[in-house]
């Protein structure tokens, strides 16, 4: 499901201009255009706000597990085609992470928790979780690049 196309389709079906949607979300019309063309991708909390502004469910824009997969795809080096070896590398990476970082990763990507659910379970603020997960994904990318060289 292409979130940009879904935003445009829902917006048009409701007779809302890009400018009107931008105003409802307190963003620029240019940003709405970038979402719709695929030049930018809104994060999941923003997708939830977009859906609310359009009077829709977030599932009409994007599937949650699909969204999580896209977060992790950026961590994968080109040319990895052995899923068993990748799973083994992921498990090795998780074992090497400190406890809290490992817990955040598992909550988000194995248990498929939203940022707010992950934050609540970890006793952290949402922006802290986003920041930590971003750093963990960077470490994962470096780890996998080294492993699959």
N, C-alpha and C. Protein backbone atom coordinates (compact mmCIF):
# COMPACT_ATOMS: atom_id res chain seq x y z
N UNK A 1 0.85 -1.18 0.00
CA UNK A 1 0.00 0.00 0.00
C UNK A 1 0.90 1.24 0.00
N UNK A 2 0.75 2.09 -0.97
CA UNK A 2 1.54 3.32 -1.09
C UNK A 2 0.84 4.42 -0.29
N UNK A 3 1.49 4.86 0.79
CA UNK A 3 0.86 5.84 1.67
C UNK A 3 0.58 7.16 0.95
N UNK A 4 1.47 7.58 0.07
CA UNK A 4 1.26 8.83 -0.66
C UNK A 4 0.02 8.80 -1.52
N UNK A 5 -0.14 7.70 -2.26
CA UNK A 5 -1.33 7.54 -3.11
C UNK A 5 -2.59 7.46 -2.26
N UNK A 6 -2.47 6.79 -1.11
CA UNK A 6 -3.62 6.67 -0.22
C UNK A 6 -4.04 8.02 0.35
N UNK A 7 -3.05 8.85 0.71
CA UNK A 7 -3.37 10.19 1.22
C UNK A 7 -4.10 10.99 0.15
N UNK A 8 -3.54 10.99 -1.06
CA UNK A 8 -4.15 11.74 -2.17
C UNK A 8 -5.56 11.26 -2.46
N UNK A 9 -5.74 9.95 -2.50
CA UNK A 9 -7.06 9.38 -2.81
C UNK A 9 -8.09 9.77 -1.76
N UNK A 10 -7.73 9.61 -0.48
CA UNK A 10 -8.65 9.97 0.60
C UNK A 10 -8.95 11.47 0.61
N UNK A 11 -7.91 12.25 0.42
CA UNK A 11 -8.07 13.71 0.42
C UNK A 11 -9.02 14.14 -0.69
N UNK A 12 -8.80 13.62 -1.88
CA UNK A 12 -9.65 13.98 -3.02
C UNK A 12 -11.09 13.48 -2.85
N UNK A 13 -11.23 12.29 -2.28
CA UNK A 13 -12.58 11.73 -2.09
C UNK A 13 -13.40 12.56 -1.09
N UNK A 14 -12.69 13.30 -0.25
CA UNK A 14 -13.37 14.14 0.74
C UNK A 14 -13.45 15.60 0.29
N UNK A 15 -12.96 15.86 -0.92
CA UNK A 15 -13.05 17.22 -1.47
C UNK A 15 -12.17 18.22 -0.74
N UNK A 16 -11.03 17.76 -0.26
CA UNK A 16 -10.12 18.61 0.50
C UNK A 16 -8.90 18.91 -0.37
N UNK A 17 -8.48 20.16 -0.40
CA UNK A 17 -7.28 20.53 -1.15
C UNK A 17 -6.04 20.22 -0.31
N UNK A 18 -4.88 20.21 -0.98
CA UNK A 18 -3.63 20.03 -0.25
C UNK A 18 -3.44 21.15 0.77
N UNK A 19 -3.82 22.35 0.38
CA UNK A 19 -3.70 23.51 1.27
C UNK A 19 -4.55 23.32 2.52
N UNK A 20 -5.80 22.85 2.34
CA UNK A 20 -6.69 22.64 3.49
C UNK A 20 -6.14 21.55 4.41
N UNK A 21 -5.64 20.47 3.83
CA UNK A 21 -5.07 19.42 4.66
C UNK A 21 -3.84 19.94 5.41
N UNK A 22 -3.01 20.68 4.72
CA UNK A 22 -1.82 21.26 5.35
C UNK A 22 -2.21 22.13 6.54
N UNK A 23 -3.24 22.96 6.36
CA UNK A 23 -3.70 23.83 7.45
C UNK A 23 -4.21 23.03 8.64
N UNK A 24 -4.92 21.94 8.37
CA UNK A 24 -5.44 21.10 9.46
C UNK A 24 -4.30 20.45 10.25
N UNK A 25 -3.19 20.19 9.57
CA UNK A 25 -2.07 19.50 10.20
C UNK A 25 -0.96 20.45 10.67
N UNK A 26 -1.13 21.75 10.36
CA UNK A 26 -0.12 22.75 10.71
C UNK A 26 1.23 22.45 10.05
N UNK A 27 1.16 22.06 8.76
CA UNK A 27 2.36 21.84 7.95
C UNK A 27 2.21 22.63 6.66
N UNK A 28 3.22 22.61 5.83
CA UNK A 28 3.14 23.34 4.56
C UNK A 28 2.43 22.51 3.50
N UNK A 29 1.86 23.19 2.52
CA UNK A 29 1.24 22.50 1.39
C UNK A 29 2.30 21.70 0.64
N UNK A 30 3.51 22.25 0.58
CA UNK A 30 4.61 21.58 -0.09
C UNK A 30 4.90 20.22 0.55
N UNK A 31 4.82 20.14 1.88
CA UNK A 31 5.06 18.88 2.56
C UNK A 31 3.96 17.87 2.21
N UNK A 32 2.72 18.31 2.18
CA UNK A 32 1.62 17.41 1.79
C UNK A 32 1.88 16.89 0.37
N UNK A 33 2.29 17.76 -0.52
CA UNK A 33 2.61 17.36 -1.89
C UNK A 33 3.72 16.32 -1.91
N UNK A 34 4.74 16.52 -1.10
CA UNK A 34 5.86 15.57 -1.06
C UNK A 34 5.40 14.21 -0.54
N UNK A 35 4.50 14.21 0.45
CA UNK A 35 3.95 12.93 0.93
C UNK A 35 3.23 12.22 -0.21
N UNK A 36 2.40 12.97 -0.91
CA UNK A 36 1.56 12.37 -1.96
C UNK A 36 2.38 11.87 -3.15
N UNK A 37 3.48 12.52 -3.45
CA UNK A 37 4.32 12.08 -4.57
C UNK A 37 5.36 11.05 -4.17
N UNK A 38 5.49 10.81 -2.88
CA UNK A 38 6.46 9.84 -2.40
C UNK A 38 7.85 10.41 -2.17
N UNK A 39 8.01 11.72 -2.35
CA UNK A 39 9.31 12.35 -2.10
C UNK A 39 9.66 12.32 -0.62
N UNK A 40 8.66 12.32 0.24
CA UNK A 40 8.82 12.20 1.69
C UNK A 40 7.79 11.20 2.18
N UNK A 41 8.09 10.59 3.31
CA UNK A 41 7.16 9.62 3.90
C UNK A 41 6.90 10.06 5.34
N UNK A 42 5.63 10.27 5.70
CA UNK A 42 5.35 10.67 7.08
C UNK A 42 5.64 9.51 8.04
N UNK A 43 6.09 9.84 9.25
CA UNK A 43 6.27 8.78 10.23
C UNK A 43 4.89 8.30 10.69
N UNK A 44 4.86 7.23 11.44
CA UNK A 44 3.57 6.63 11.79
C UNK A 44 2.68 7.56 12.61
N UNK A 45 3.21 8.28 13.62
CA UNK A 45 2.33 9.21 14.36
C UNK A 45 1.74 10.30 13.44
N UNK A 46 2.52 10.74 12.47
CA UNK A 46 2.01 11.73 11.52
C UNK A 46 0.95 11.10 10.64
N UNK A 47 1.15 9.84 10.24
CA UNK A 47 0.13 9.14 9.45
C UNK A 47 -1.18 9.04 10.23
N UNK A 48 -1.07 8.85 11.54
CA UNK A 48 -2.27 8.81 12.38
C UNK A 48 -2.97 10.17 12.37
N UNK A 49 -2.18 11.25 12.46
CA UNK A 49 -2.76 12.61 12.43
C UNK A 49 -3.39 12.90 11.07
N UNK A 50 -2.75 12.46 9.99
CA UNK A 50 -3.29 12.67 8.65
C UNK A 50 -4.64 11.96 8.52
N UNK A 51 -4.67 10.71 8.97
CA UNK A 51 -5.92 9.94 8.90
C UNK A 51 -7.02 10.64 9.69
N UNK A 52 -6.70 11.12 10.88
CA UNK A 52 -7.69 11.82 11.70
C UNK A 52 -8.18 13.08 10.98
N UNK A 53 -7.27 13.82 10.37
CA UNK A 53 -7.64 15.06 9.65
C UNK A 53 -8.52 14.76 8.45
N UNK A 54 -8.40 13.54 7.91
CA UNK A 54 -9.20 13.14 6.75
C UNK A 54 -10.45 12.36 7.17
N UNK A 55 -10.65 12.19 8.46
CA UNK A 55 -11.81 11.45 8.95
C UNK A 55 -11.74 9.98 8.58
N UNK A 56 -10.53 9.42 8.66
CA UNK A 56 -10.33 8.02 8.27
C UNK A 56 -9.56 7.29 9.37
N UNK A 57 -9.43 6.00 9.20
CA UNK A 57 -8.60 5.18 10.08
C UNK A 57 -7.20 5.11 9.48
N UNK A 58 -6.18 5.06 10.31
CA UNK A 58 -4.81 5.02 9.81
C UNK A 58 -4.59 3.80 8.91
N UNK A 59 -5.31 2.72 9.16
CA UNK A 59 -5.19 1.52 8.33
C UNK A 59 -5.62 1.75 6.89
N UNK A 60 -6.39 2.82 6.63
CA UNK A 60 -6.76 3.15 5.26
C UNK A 60 -5.59 3.79 4.52
N UNK A 61 -4.60 4.27 5.26
CA UNK A 61 -3.42 4.90 4.65
C UNK A 61 -2.25 3.93 4.54
N UNK A 62 -2.03 3.17 5.59
CA UNK A 62 -0.86 2.30 5.63
C UNK A 62 -1.09 1.19 6.65
N UNK A 63 -0.56 0.01 6.36
CA UNK A 63 -0.60 -1.09 7.30
C UNK A 63 0.55 -0.91 8.29
N UNK A 64 0.29 -1.10 9.58
CA UNK A 64 1.29 -0.85 10.61
C UNK A 64 2.53 -1.72 10.41
N UNK A 65 2.34 -3.02 10.18
CA UNK A 65 3.50 -3.90 10.04
C UNK A 65 4.30 -3.56 8.78
N UNK A 66 3.62 -3.11 7.73
CA UNK A 66 4.30 -2.66 6.52
C UNK A 66 5.16 -1.43 6.84
N UNK A 67 4.64 -0.57 7.68
CA UNK A 67 5.37 0.63 8.06
C UNK A 67 6.63 0.27 8.85
N UNK A 68 6.51 -0.66 9.76
CA UNK A 68 7.67 -1.08 10.54
C UNK A 68 8.73 -1.72 9.66
N UNK A 69 8.30 -2.52 8.71
CA UNK A 69 9.24 -3.16 7.80
C UNK A 69 10.01 -2.10 7.03
N UNK A 70 9.32 -1.04 6.61
CA UNK A 70 10.01 0.01 5.87
C UNK A 70 11.05 0.71 6.74
N UNK A 71 10.82 0.81 8.05
CA UNK A 71 11.81 1.39 8.96
C UNK A 71 13.09 0.55 8.95
N UNK A 72 12.92 -0.76 8.91
CA UNK A 72 14.08 -1.65 8.99
C UNK A 72 14.76 -1.87 7.65
N UNK A 73 14.03 -1.69 6.54
CA UNK A 73 14.62 -1.91 5.22
C UNK A 73 15.85 -1.05 4.99
N UNK A 74 15.84 0.16 5.56
CA UNK A 74 16.99 1.05 5.40
C UNK A 74 18.24 0.52 6.10
N UNK A 75 18.06 -0.44 6.99
CA UNK A 75 19.19 -1.01 7.71
C UNK A 75 19.87 -2.13 6.94
N UNK A 76 19.20 -2.64 5.93
CA UNK A 76 19.71 -3.81 5.22
C UNK A 76 20.64 -3.41 4.09
N UNK A 77 21.86 -3.93 4.11
CA UNK A 77 22.76 -3.68 2.99
C UNK A 77 22.23 -4.34 1.72
N UNK A 78 22.63 -3.84 0.58
CA UNK A 78 22.21 -4.39 -0.71
C UNK A 78 22.67 -5.84 -0.85
N UNK A 79 21.85 -6.63 -1.50
CA UNK A 79 22.26 -7.97 -1.89
C UNK A 79 22.10 -9.06 -0.86
N UNK A 80 21.44 -8.80 0.25
CA UNK A 80 21.23 -9.87 1.23
C UNK A 80 20.05 -10.71 0.74
N UNK A 81 20.32 -11.99 0.46
CA UNK A 81 19.24 -12.84 -0.03
C UNK A 81 19.07 -14.12 0.79
N UNK A 82 19.92 -14.32 1.77
CA UNK A 82 19.84 -15.49 2.63
C UNK A 82 19.11 -15.13 3.91
N UNK A 83 17.80 -15.44 3.96
CA UNK A 83 16.98 -15.06 5.11
C UNK A 83 17.42 -15.73 6.40
N UNK A 84 17.88 -16.97 6.30
CA UNK A 84 18.33 -17.69 7.49
C UNK A 84 19.58 -17.03 8.08
N UNK A 85 20.49 -16.63 7.22
CA UNK A 85 21.70 -15.95 7.67
C UNK A 85 21.36 -14.57 8.25
N UNK A 86 20.39 -13.89 7.65
CA UNK A 86 19.95 -12.59 8.16
C UNK A 86 19.32 -12.74 9.54
N UNK A 87 18.46 -13.75 9.72
CA UNK A 87 17.84 -13.99 11.03
C UNK A 87 18.89 -14.29 12.08
N UNK A 88 19.89 -15.07 11.71
CA UNK A 88 20.98 -15.39 12.63
C UNK A 88 21.76 -14.12 13.01
N UNK A 89 22.01 -13.27 12.03
CA UNK A 89 22.72 -12.01 12.28
C UNK A 89 21.89 -11.10 13.19
N UNK A 90 20.58 -11.02 12.96
CA UNK A 90 19.71 -10.20 13.81
C UNK A 90 19.73 -10.68 15.25
N UNK A 91 19.67 -11.99 15.44
CA UNK A 91 19.72 -12.53 16.80
C UNK A 91 21.06 -12.23 17.47
N UNK A 92 22.13 -12.31 16.71
CA UNK A 92 23.46 -11.98 17.23
C UNK A 92 23.51 -10.50 17.61
N UNK A 93 22.96 -9.64 16.77
CA UNK A 93 22.91 -8.21 17.05
C UNK A 93 22.13 -7.93 18.33
N UNK A 94 20.98 -8.56 18.48
CA UNK A 94 20.15 -8.35 19.67
C UNK A 94 20.87 -8.78 20.95
N UNK A 95 21.58 -9.88 20.88
CA UNK A 95 22.31 -10.37 22.05
C UNK A 95 23.42 -9.40 22.45
N UNK A 96 23.97 -8.69 21.46
CA UNK A 96 25.06 -7.75 21.74
C UNK A 96 24.57 -6.40 22.27
N UNK A 97 23.28 -6.11 22.08
CA UNK A 97 22.74 -4.84 22.55
C UNK A 97 22.58 -4.83 24.07
N UNK A 98 22.77 -3.67 24.70
CA UNK A 98 22.45 -3.57 26.13
C UNK A 98 20.97 -3.87 26.35
N UNK A 99 20.61 -4.30 27.55
CA UNK A 99 19.25 -4.74 27.87
C UNK A 99 18.14 -3.80 27.45
N UNK A 100 18.25 -2.53 27.77
CA UNK A 100 17.17 -1.58 27.46
C UNK A 100 17.02 -1.39 25.96
N UNK A 101 18.14 -1.30 25.25
CA UNK A 101 18.10 -1.13 23.80
C UNK A 101 17.49 -2.37 23.15
N UNK A 102 17.87 -3.53 23.64
CA UNK A 102 17.32 -4.78 23.11
C UNK A 102 15.81 -4.84 23.34
N UNK A 103 15.40 -4.43 24.52
CA UNK A 103 13.95 -4.42 24.85
C UNK A 103 13.19 -3.48 23.92
N UNK A 104 13.73 -2.28 23.66
CA UNK A 104 13.07 -1.34 22.75
C UNK A 104 12.93 -1.94 21.36
N UNK A 105 14.01 -2.55 20.88
CA UNK A 105 13.99 -3.15 19.55
C UNK A 105 12.95 -4.26 19.46
N UNK A 106 12.92 -5.11 20.46
CA UNK A 106 11.96 -6.22 20.47
C UNK A 106 10.53 -5.71 20.55
N UNK A 107 10.28 -4.74 21.41
CA UNK A 107 8.93 -4.18 21.53
C UNK A 107 8.45 -3.61 20.20
N UNK A 108 9.32 -2.89 19.55
CA UNK A 108 8.92 -2.21 18.31
C UNK A 108 8.84 -3.15 17.12
N UNK A 109 9.88 -3.97 16.90
CA UNK A 109 9.98 -4.71 15.65
C UNK A 109 9.60 -6.18 15.72
N UNK A 110 9.56 -6.76 16.90
CA UNK A 110 9.10 -8.14 17.03
C UNK A 110 7.65 -8.17 17.53
N UNK A 111 7.38 -7.34 18.55
CA UNK A 111 6.03 -7.30 19.12
C UNK A 111 5.12 -6.33 18.37
N UNK A 112 5.68 -5.57 17.43
CA UNK A 112 4.94 -4.62 16.57
C UNK A 112 4.16 -3.58 17.37
N UNK A 113 4.82 -3.01 18.37
CA UNK A 113 4.20 -1.99 19.20
C UNK A 113 4.39 -0.61 18.56
N UNK A 114 3.41 0.25 18.77
CA UNK A 114 3.54 1.63 18.30
C UNK A 114 4.58 2.33 19.17
N UNK A 115 5.00 3.51 18.75
CA UNK A 115 5.96 4.28 19.55
C UNK A 115 5.39 4.57 20.93
N UNK A 116 4.11 4.95 20.99
CA UNK A 116 3.52 5.26 22.30
C UNK A 116 3.44 4.01 23.18
N UNK A 117 3.10 2.87 22.60
CA UNK A 117 3.05 1.63 23.38
C UNK A 117 4.45 1.22 23.84
N UNK A 118 5.44 1.38 22.96
CA UNK A 118 6.82 1.06 23.30
C UNK A 118 7.30 1.97 24.43
N UNK A 119 7.00 3.26 24.31
CA UNK A 119 7.41 4.22 25.35
C UNK A 119 6.78 3.86 26.69
N UNK A 120 5.50 3.55 26.69
CA UNK A 120 4.81 3.20 27.93
C UNK A 120 5.42 1.95 28.56
N UNK A 121 5.68 0.94 27.73
CA UNK A 121 6.23 -0.31 28.24
C UNK A 121 7.65 -0.14 28.78
N UNK A 122 8.40 0.79 28.18
CA UNK A 122 9.79 1.01 28.59
C UNK A 122 9.94 2.11 29.64
N UNK A 123 8.84 2.79 29.97
CA UNK A 123 8.90 3.88 30.94
C UNK A 123 9.69 5.07 30.43
N UNK A 124 9.53 5.37 29.14
CA UNK A 124 10.26 6.47 28.51
C UNK A 124 9.28 7.39 27.81
N UNK A 125 9.77 8.56 27.40
CA UNK A 125 8.98 9.48 26.59
C UNK A 125 9.09 9.04 25.13
N UNK A 126 8.06 9.37 24.35
CA UNK A 126 8.03 8.96 22.95
C UNK A 126 9.22 9.49 22.16
N UNK A 127 9.59 10.75 22.39
CA UNK A 127 10.72 11.30 21.63
C UNK A 127 12.03 10.60 22.00
N UNK A 128 12.15 10.13 23.25
CA UNK A 128 13.33 9.38 23.65
C UNK A 128 13.37 8.03 22.92
N UNK A 129 12.20 7.40 22.81
CA UNK A 129 12.13 6.11 22.13
C UNK A 129 12.50 6.28 20.66
N UNK A 130 11.95 7.31 20.00
CA UNK A 130 12.28 7.54 18.59
C UNK A 130 13.78 7.73 18.40
N UNK A 131 14.37 8.54 19.28
CA UNK A 131 15.80 8.81 19.20
C UNK A 131 16.63 7.55 19.41
N UNK A 132 16.29 6.78 20.43
CA UNK A 132 17.02 5.55 20.72
C UNK A 132 16.88 4.53 19.59
N UNK A 133 15.66 4.39 19.06
CA UNK A 133 15.45 3.45 17.96
C UNK A 133 16.23 3.86 16.72
N UNK A 134 16.31 5.15 16.47
CA UNK A 134 17.09 5.64 15.34
C UNK A 134 18.56 5.26 15.49
N UNK A 135 19.09 5.43 16.69
CA UNK A 135 20.49 5.06 16.95
C UNK A 135 20.69 3.56 16.84
N UNK A 136 19.72 2.79 17.32
CA UNK A 136 19.81 1.33 17.23
C UNK A 136 19.80 0.88 15.77
N UNK A 137 18.94 1.50 14.96
CA UNK A 137 18.89 1.14 13.52
C UNK A 137 20.21 1.46 12.84
N UNK A 138 20.85 2.58 13.20
CA UNK A 138 22.16 2.92 12.63
C UNK A 138 23.20 1.86 13.01
N UNK A 139 23.17 1.44 14.28
CA UNK A 139 24.08 0.38 14.72
C UNK A 139 23.80 -0.92 13.98
N UNK A 140 22.52 -1.22 13.78
CA UNK A 140 22.15 -2.44 13.06
C UNK A 140 22.69 -2.39 11.64
N UNK A 141 22.54 -1.27 10.98
CA UNK A 141 23.05 -1.12 9.61
C UNK A 141 24.55 -1.39 9.56
N UNK A 142 25.30 -0.76 10.46
CA UNK A 142 26.76 -0.96 10.50
C UNK A 142 27.10 -2.41 10.81
N UNK A 143 26.37 -3.02 11.74
CA UNK A 143 26.60 -4.41 12.11
C UNK A 143 26.37 -5.33 10.90
N UNK A 144 25.26 -5.12 10.20
CA UNK A 144 24.93 -5.98 9.05
C UNK A 144 25.89 -5.76 7.89
N UNK A 145 26.31 -4.53 7.68
CA UNK A 145 27.28 -4.26 6.62
C UNK A 145 28.58 -5.00 6.89
N UNK A 146 28.99 -5.00 8.14
CA UNK A 146 30.21 -5.72 8.52
C UNK A 146 30.03 -7.23 8.36
N UNK A 147 28.88 -7.71 8.79
CA UNK A 147 28.59 -9.15 8.78
C UNK A 147 28.48 -9.70 7.35
N UNK A 148 27.95 -8.90 6.44
CA UNK A 148 27.69 -9.39 5.08
C UNK A 148 28.70 -8.86 4.05
N UNK A 149 29.83 -8.41 4.51
CA UNK A 149 30.88 -7.94 3.60
C UNK A 149 31.46 -9.04 2.80
